Amino acid sequence: MRIPRDALLLRIFVGENDRADGRPLYEAIVLEARRRQLAGATVLRGPMGFGRSSRLHTAKILRLSEDLPMVIEIVDAEARIRAFLEAIEPMMTGGLVTLERVQVIRYGDDRTDPPQGSGSSMQSPS
């Protein structure tokens, strides 16, 4: 799979407890991205954050939160990202969605890319 040099970075900020069809929202979004064969998706779990309500969510030992911030990042061609946004709109009941123009410098390594359909996830940048 190739990503154009000029691409979009989609960032979706949700809570760990947000749900879509009974599963975590971040999981539903990543599975939909995979089903649509986007270039890859990464979920980041934040140790602390707040959103529109200004309610603080933190992972501090004395004050454990079960609703930590989650960020899903996806980079792909603009048309593919915009089509994906339309597809996930029904599952989005809140959160923050941002887009940034990015330049893709490198995506994988032809020497180490797994064969198509192997189920391996996108490698993290080194």
N, C-alpha and C. Protein backbone atom coordinates (compact mmCIF):
# COMPACT_ATOMS: atom_id res chain seq x y z
N MET A 1 0.84 -1.17 0.00
CA MET A 1 0.00 0.00 0.00
C MET A 1 0.88 1.24 0.00
N ARG A 2 0.48 2.22 -0.74
CA ARG A 2 1.21 3.48 -0.81
C ARG A 2 0.35 4.61 -0.26
N ILE A 3 0.99 5.53 0.41
CA ILE A 3 0.34 6.75 0.89
C ILE A 3 0.98 7.89 0.13
N PRO A 4 0.19 8.83 -0.37
CA PRO A 4 0.80 9.97 -1.06
C PRO A 4 1.65 10.79 -0.10
N ARG A 5 2.66 11.44 -0.63
CA ARG A 5 3.54 12.27 0.21
C ARG A 5 2.73 13.33 0.96
N ASP A 6 1.80 13.98 0.29
CA ASP A 6 0.93 14.96 0.94
C ASP A 6 -0.34 14.22 1.37
N ALA A 7 -0.53 14.10 2.67
CA ALA A 7 -1.62 13.30 3.22
C ALA A 7 -2.30 14.08 4.34
N LEU A 8 -3.28 13.43 4.98
CA LEU A 8 -3.94 14.01 6.14
C LEU A 8 -3.73 13.14 7.36
N LEU A 9 -3.56 13.80 8.50
CA LEU A 9 -3.51 13.12 9.80
C LEU A 9 -4.85 13.37 10.47
N LEU A 10 -5.57 12.31 10.74
CA LEU A 10 -6.83 12.37 11.45
C LEU A 10 -6.55 12.03 12.90
N ARG A 11 -7.00 12.88 13.82
CA ARG A 11 -6.87 12.62 15.25
C ARG A 11 -8.26 12.66 15.86
N ILE A 12 -8.60 11.60 16.56
CA ILE A 12 -9.90 11.52 17.21
C ILE A 12 -9.66 11.34 18.71
N PHE A 13 -10.18 12.27 19.49
CA PHE A 13 -10.04 12.25 20.95
C PHE A 13 -11.36 11.77 21.54
N VAL A 14 -11.32 10.67 22.29
CA VAL A 14 -12.51 10.12 22.93
C VAL A 14 -12.14 9.69 24.35
N GLY A 15 -13.13 9.27 25.10
CA GLY A 15 -12.89 8.73 26.43
C GLY A 15 -12.82 7.22 26.38
N GLU A 16 -12.08 6.66 27.30
CA GLU A 16 -11.92 5.21 27.36
C GLU A 16 -13.26 4.49 27.53
N ASN A 17 -14.23 5.12 28.19
CA ASN A 17 -15.53 4.49 28.42
C ASN A 17 -16.54 4.73 27.30
N ASP A 18 -16.20 5.53 26.30
CA ASP A 18 -17.13 5.78 25.19
C ASP A 18 -17.35 4.48 24.43
N ARG A 19 -18.60 4.24 24.03
CA ARG A 19 -18.98 2.98 23.41
C ARG A 19 -19.64 3.18 22.05
N ALA A 20 -19.53 2.15 21.22
CA ALA A 20 -20.23 2.06 19.93
C ALA A 20 -20.62 0.60 19.74
N ASP A 21 -21.90 0.33 19.66
CA ASP A 21 -22.40 -1.04 19.50
C ASP A 21 -21.84 -1.99 20.54
N GLY A 22 -21.75 -1.54 21.79
CA GLY A 22 -21.33 -2.40 22.88
C GLY A 22 -19.84 -2.59 23.06
N ARG A 23 -19.03 -2.06 22.18
CA ARG A 23 -17.57 -2.20 22.30
C ARG A 23 -16.98 -0.82 22.51
N PRO A 24 -15.73 -0.75 23.00
CA PRO A 24 -15.10 0.57 23.15
C PRO A 24 -15.06 1.31 21.82
N LEU A 25 -15.38 2.60 21.86
CA LEU A 25 -15.44 3.41 20.64
C LEU A 25 -14.10 3.40 19.91
N TYR A 26 -12.99 3.52 20.65
CA TYR A 26 -11.68 3.52 19.99
C TYR A 26 -11.45 2.22 19.22
N GLU A 27 -11.93 1.12 19.77
CA GLU A 27 -11.78 -0.18 19.10
C GLU A 27 -12.65 -0.23 17.85
N ALA A 28 -13.88 0.24 17.95
CA ALA A 28 -14.78 0.25 16.79
C ALA A 28 -14.20 1.10 15.66
N ILE A 29 -13.59 2.23 16.01
CA ILE A 29 -13.00 3.11 14.99
C ILE A 29 -11.82 2.43 14.31
N VAL A 30 -10.94 1.81 15.08
CA VAL A 30 -9.77 1.13 14.50
C VAL A 30 -10.21 -0.05 13.63
N LEU A 31 -11.17 -0.81 14.08
CA LEU A 31 -11.63 -1.94 13.28
C LEU A 31 -12.27 -1.48 11.97
N GLU A 32 -12.98 -0.34 12.02
CA GLU A 32 -13.56 0.20 10.78
C GLU A 32 -12.46 0.69 9.84
N ALA A 33 -11.42 1.31 10.40
CA ALA A 33 -10.28 1.76 9.58
C ALA A 33 -9.61 0.56 8.91
N ARG A 34 -9.47 -0.51 9.65
CA ARG A 34 -8.86 -1.72 9.08
C ARG A 34 -9.74 -2.33 8.00
N ARG A 35 -11.04 -2.38 8.28
CA ARG A 35 -11.98 -2.93 7.30
C ARG A 35 -11.93 -2.14 5.99
N ARG A 36 -11.73 -0.84 6.09
CA ARG A 36 -11.66 0.02 4.90
C ARG A 36 -10.25 0.07 4.31
N GLN A 37 -9.34 -0.69 4.89
CA GLN A 37 -7.96 -0.81 4.41
C GLN A 37 -7.22 0.53 4.38
N LEU A 38 -7.42 1.32 5.45
CA LEU A 38 -6.63 2.54 5.58
C LEU A 38 -5.20 2.13 5.90
N ALA A 39 -4.28 3.05 5.77
CA ALA A 39 -2.85 2.73 5.89
C ALA A 39 -2.48 2.18 7.27
N GLY A 40 -3.16 2.62 8.31
CA GLY A 40 -2.86 2.14 9.66
C GLY A 40 -3.51 3.05 10.67
N ALA A 41 -3.62 2.58 11.89
CA ALA A 41 -4.21 3.36 12.97
C ALA A 41 -3.46 3.05 14.25
N THR A 42 -3.33 4.06 15.08
CA THR A 42 -2.68 3.90 16.38
C THR A 42 -3.58 4.50 17.45
N VAL A 43 -3.73 3.78 18.57
CA VAL A 43 -4.49 4.29 19.70
C VAL A 43 -3.51 4.61 20.82
N LEU A 44 -3.62 5.82 21.34
CA LEU A 44 -2.77 6.26 22.45
C LEU A 44 -3.66 6.49 23.66
N ARG A 45 -3.22 5.99 24.82
CA ARG A 45 -3.97 6.17 26.06
C ARG A 45 -3.27 7.24 26.88
N GLY A 46 -4.00 8.28 27.21
CA GLY A 46 -3.42 9.39 27.96
C GLY A 46 -3.51 9.20 29.46
N PRO A 47 -2.46 9.52 30.19
CA PRO A 47 -2.49 9.39 31.66
C PRO A 47 -3.29 10.50 32.34
N MET A 48 -3.60 11.58 31.58
CA MET A 48 -4.33 12.68 32.17
C MET A 48 -4.92 13.55 31.08
N GLY A 49 -6.08 14.13 31.34
CA GLY A 49 -6.66 15.05 30.38
C GLY A 49 -8.02 15.55 30.83
N PHE A 50 -8.53 16.54 30.11
CA PHE A 50 -9.90 17.00 30.32
C PHE A 50 -10.43 17.49 29.00
N GLY A 51 -11.75 17.56 28.91
CA GLY A 51 -12.39 17.98 27.68
C GLY A 51 -13.36 19.10 27.93
N ARG A 52 -14.41 19.13 27.13
CA ARG A 52 -15.39 20.21 27.17
C ARG A 52 -16.00 20.41 28.55
N SER A 53 -16.21 19.32 29.28
CA SER A 53 -16.83 19.42 30.62
C SER A 53 -15.86 19.94 31.67
N SER A 54 -14.57 19.99 31.35
CA SER A 54 -13.49 20.36 32.28
C SER A 54 -13.32 19.37 33.42
N ARG A 55 -13.95 18.21 33.33
CA ARG A 55 -13.76 17.16 34.33
C ARG A 55 -12.40 16.52 34.10
N LEU A 56 -11.59 16.49 35.14
CA LEU A 56 -10.23 15.95 35.03
C LEU A 56 -10.26 14.43 35.09
N HIS A 57 -9.59 13.80 34.14
CA HIS A 57 -9.43 12.34 34.11
C HIS A 57 -7.95 12.07 34.31
N THR A 58 -7.62 11.25 35.30
CA THR A 58 -6.22 11.01 35.60
C THR A 58 -5.99 9.57 36.01
N ALA A 59 -4.77 9.11 35.84
CA ALA A 59 -4.39 7.75 36.22
C ALA A 59 -3.53 7.75 37.47
N LYS A 60 -3.57 8.83 38.25
CA LYS A 60 -2.77 8.89 39.48
C LYS A 60 -3.18 7.76 40.41
N ILE A 61 -2.23 7.23 41.15
CA ILE A 61 -2.46 6.05 41.99
C ILE A 61 -3.60 6.26 42.99
N LEU A 62 -3.67 7.40 43.63
CA LEU A 62 -4.68 7.61 44.65
C LEU A 62 -6.04 7.99 44.08
N ARG A 63 -6.10 8.27 42.80
CA ARG A 63 -7.36 8.68 42.19
C ARG A 63 -7.47 8.03 40.81
N LEU A 64 -7.75 6.75 40.81
CA LEU A 64 -7.82 6.01 39.55
C LEU A 64 -9.06 6.38 38.76
N SER A 65 -8.89 6.65 37.50
CA SER A 65 -10.00 6.97 36.61
C SER A 65 -10.21 5.79 35.69
N GLU A 66 -11.46 5.48 35.42
CA GLU A 66 -11.76 4.44 34.45
C GLU A 66 -12.13 5.03 33.10
N ASP A 67 -11.95 6.33 32.96
CA ASP A 67 -12.33 6.97 31.70
C ASP A 67 -11.19 7.87 31.23
N LEU A 68 -10.04 7.27 31.01
CA LEU A 68 -8.87 8.04 30.58
C LEU A 68 -9.02 8.48 29.13
N PRO A 69 -8.30 9.55 28.76
CA PRO A 69 -8.37 10.02 27.37
C PRO A 69 -7.73 9.01 26.42
N MET A 70 -8.36 8.85 25.27
CA MET A 70 -7.85 7.98 24.21
C MET A 70 -7.74 8.82 22.94
N VAL A 71 -6.63 8.66 22.21
CA VAL A 71 -6.44 9.38 20.96
C VAL A 71 -6.18 8.34 19.87
N ILE A 72 -6.96 8.43 18.80
CA ILE A 72 -6.76 7.54 17.65
C ILE A 72 -6.15 8.39 16.55
N GLU A 73 -5.02 7.95 16.00
CA GLU A 73 -4.36 8.67 14.91
C GLU A 73 -4.33 7.79 13.67
N ILE A 74 -4.71 8.40 12.55
CA ILE A 74 -4.73 7.71 11.27
C ILE A 74 -4.18 8.66 10.21
N VAL A 75 -3.25 8.18 9.38
CA VAL A 75 -2.71 8.98 8.27
C VAL A 75 -3.03 8.24 6.98
N ASP A 76 -3.58 8.98 6.02
CA ASP A 76 -3.85 8.40 4.71
C ASP A 76 -4.13 9.54 3.74
N ALA A 77 -4.47 9.20 2.53
CA ALA A 77 -4.80 10.19 1.50
C ALA A 77 -6.05 10.95 1.92
N GLU A 78 -6.13 12.20 1.51
CA GLU A 78 -7.25 13.05 1.93
C GLU A 78 -8.60 12.45 1.60
N ALA A 79 -8.78 11.96 0.40
CA ALA A 79 -10.09 11.41 0.00
C ALA A 79 -10.48 10.22 0.87
N ARG A 80 -9.51 9.39 1.20
CA ARG A 80 -9.80 8.21 2.02
C ARG A 80 -10.15 8.61 3.46
N ILE A 81 -9.46 9.59 3.99
CA ILE A 81 -9.74 10.07 5.35
C ILE A 81 -11.13 10.70 5.40
N ARG A 82 -11.46 11.52 4.42
CA ARG A 82 -12.77 12.20 4.41
C ARG A 82 -13.92 11.18 4.26
N ALA A 83 -13.73 10.17 3.46
CA ALA A 83 -14.74 9.11 3.32
C ALA A 83 -14.88 8.34 4.64
N PHE A 84 -13.77 8.11 5.31
CA PHE A 84 -13.78 7.41 6.59
C PHE A 84 -14.54 8.23 7.64
N LEU A 85 -14.32 9.54 7.66
CA LEU A 85 -15.03 10.40 8.61
C LEU A 85 -16.54 10.30 8.42
N GLU A 86 -16.99 10.27 7.19
CA GLU A 86 -18.42 10.12 6.92
C GLU A 86 -18.93 8.78 7.44
N ALA A 87 -18.13 7.74 7.29
CA ALA A 87 -18.54 6.39 7.70
C ALA A 87 -18.65 6.26 9.22
N ILE A 88 -17.77 6.94 9.96
CA ILE A 88 -17.80 6.78 11.43
C ILE A 88 -18.70 7.81 12.12
N GLU A 89 -19.21 8.77 11.38
CA GLU A 89 -20.06 9.81 11.98
C GLU A 89 -21.19 9.23 12.84
N PRO A 90 -21.90 8.19 12.40
CA PRO A 90 -22.99 7.65 13.23
C PRO A 90 -22.54 7.11 14.58
N MET A 91 -21.31 6.66 14.71
CA MET A 91 -20.85 6.13 16.00
C MET A 91 -20.27 7.20 16.92
N MET A 92 -20.07 8.40 16.41
CA MET A 92 -19.49 9.49 17.20
C MET A 92 -20.59 10.24 17.93
N THR A 93 -20.64 10.10 19.24
CA THR A 93 -21.63 10.82 20.05
C THR A 93 -20.99 12.01 20.76
N GLY A 94 -19.71 12.13 20.68
CA GLY A 94 -18.99 13.22 21.33
C GLY A 94 -17.55 13.17 20.87
N GLY A 95 -16.68 13.74 21.68
CA GLY A 95 -15.26 13.71 21.35
C GLY A 95 -14.84 14.91 20.52
N LEU A 96 -13.60 14.90 20.12
CA LEU A 96 -13.00 15.95 19.30
C LEU A 96 -12.33 15.29 18.12
N VAL A 97 -12.53 15.85 16.94
CA VAL A 97 -11.93 15.31 15.72
C VAL A 97 -11.15 16.43 15.05
N THR A 98 -9.88 16.18 14.74
CA THR A 98 -9.06 17.19 14.07
C THR A 98 -8.39 16.59 12.83
N LEU A 99 -8.05 17.46 11.90
CA LEU A 99 -7.32 17.08 10.69
C LEU A 99 -6.13 18.00 10.54
N GLU A 100 -5.01 17.43 10.12
CA GLU A 100 -3.81 18.22 9.81
C GLU A 100 -3.24 17.72 8.50
N ARG A 101 -2.73 18.65 7.72
CA ARG A 101 -2.00 18.26 6.52
C ARG A 101 -0.61 17.82 6.97
N VAL A 102 -0.16 16.69 6.46
CA VAL A 102 1.16 16.17 6.82
C VAL A 102 1.89 15.72 5.56
N GLN A 103 3.20 15.63 5.67
CA GLN A 103 4.01 15.05 4.60
C GLN A 103 4.52 13.70 5.09
N VAL A 104 4.24 12.68 4.32
CA VAL A 104 4.70 11.34 4.65
C VAL A 104 6.13 11.20 4.13
N ILE A 105 7.04 10.99 5.04
CA ILE A 105 8.46 10.84 4.68
C ILE A 105 8.78 9.37 4.43
N ARG A 106 8.17 8.50 5.23
CA ARG A 106 8.44 7.08 5.12
C ARG A 106 7.24 6.30 5.62
N TYR A 107 6.92 5.22 4.95
CA TYR A 107 5.84 4.35 5.38
C TYR A 107 6.31 2.92 5.21
N GLY A 108 6.72 2.31 6.32
CA GLY A 108 7.20 0.94 6.26
C GLY A 108 8.55 0.84 5.56
N ASP A 109 8.93 -0.38 5.28
CA ASP A 109 10.19 -0.69 4.63
C ASP A 109 9.93 -1.89 3.73
N ASP A 110 10.15 -1.74 2.44
CA ASP A 110 9.85 -2.82 1.50
C ASP A 110 10.52 -4.14 1.88
N ARG A 111 11.65 -4.04 2.59
CA ARG A 111 12.36 -5.27 2.98
C ARG A 111 11.68 -5.98 4.13
N THR A 112 10.88 -5.26 4.94
CA THR A 112 10.29 -5.89 6.13
C THR A 112 8.77 -5.89 6.13
N ASP A 113 8.11 -5.35 5.08
CA ASP A 113 6.65 -5.35 5.06
C ASP A 113 6.14 -6.78 5.06
N PRO A 114 5.15 -7.07 5.93
CA PRO A 114 4.57 -8.42 5.92
C PRO A 114 3.76 -8.64 4.67
N PRO A 115 3.57 -9.88 4.26
CA PRO A 115 2.76 -10.17 3.08
C PRO A 115 1.34 -9.66 3.31
N GLN A 116 0.65 -9.29 2.23
CA GLN A 116 -0.74 -8.82 2.33
C GLN A 116 -1.58 -9.88 3.02
N GLY A 117 -2.49 -9.42 3.90
CA GLY A 117 -3.41 -10.34 4.56
C GLY A 117 -2.81 -11.09 5.72
N SER A 118 -1.61 -10.73 6.18
CA SER A 118 -1.00 -11.47 7.28
C SER A 118 -1.57 -11.09 8.62
N GLY A 119 -2.32 -9.96 8.68
CA GLY A 119 -2.91 -9.55 9.94
C GLY A 119 -1.97 -8.76 10.82
N SER A 120 -0.74 -8.52 10.39
CA SER A 120 0.19 -7.76 11.20
C SER A 120 -0.22 -6.30 11.21
N SER A 121 0.06 -5.63 12.33
CA SER A 121 -0.30 -4.22 12.43
C SER A 121 0.84 -3.36 11.90
N MET A 122 0.53 -2.07 11.72
CA MET A 122 1.51 -1.12 11.22
C MET A 122 2.64 -0.99 12.23
N GLN A 123 3.87 -0.97 11.75
CA GLN A 123 5.01 -0.82 12.62
C GLN A 123 5.10 0.61 13.08
N SER A 124 5.54 0.80 14.33
CA SER A 124 5.71 2.16 14.82
C SER A 124 7.00 2.74 14.26
N PRO A 125 7.04 4.08 14.08
CA PRO A 125 8.24 4.69 13.53
C PRO A 125 9.41 4.53 14.48
N SER A 126 10.61 4.41 13.91
CA SER A 126 11.80 4.27 14.77
C SER A 126 12.62 5.51 14.75
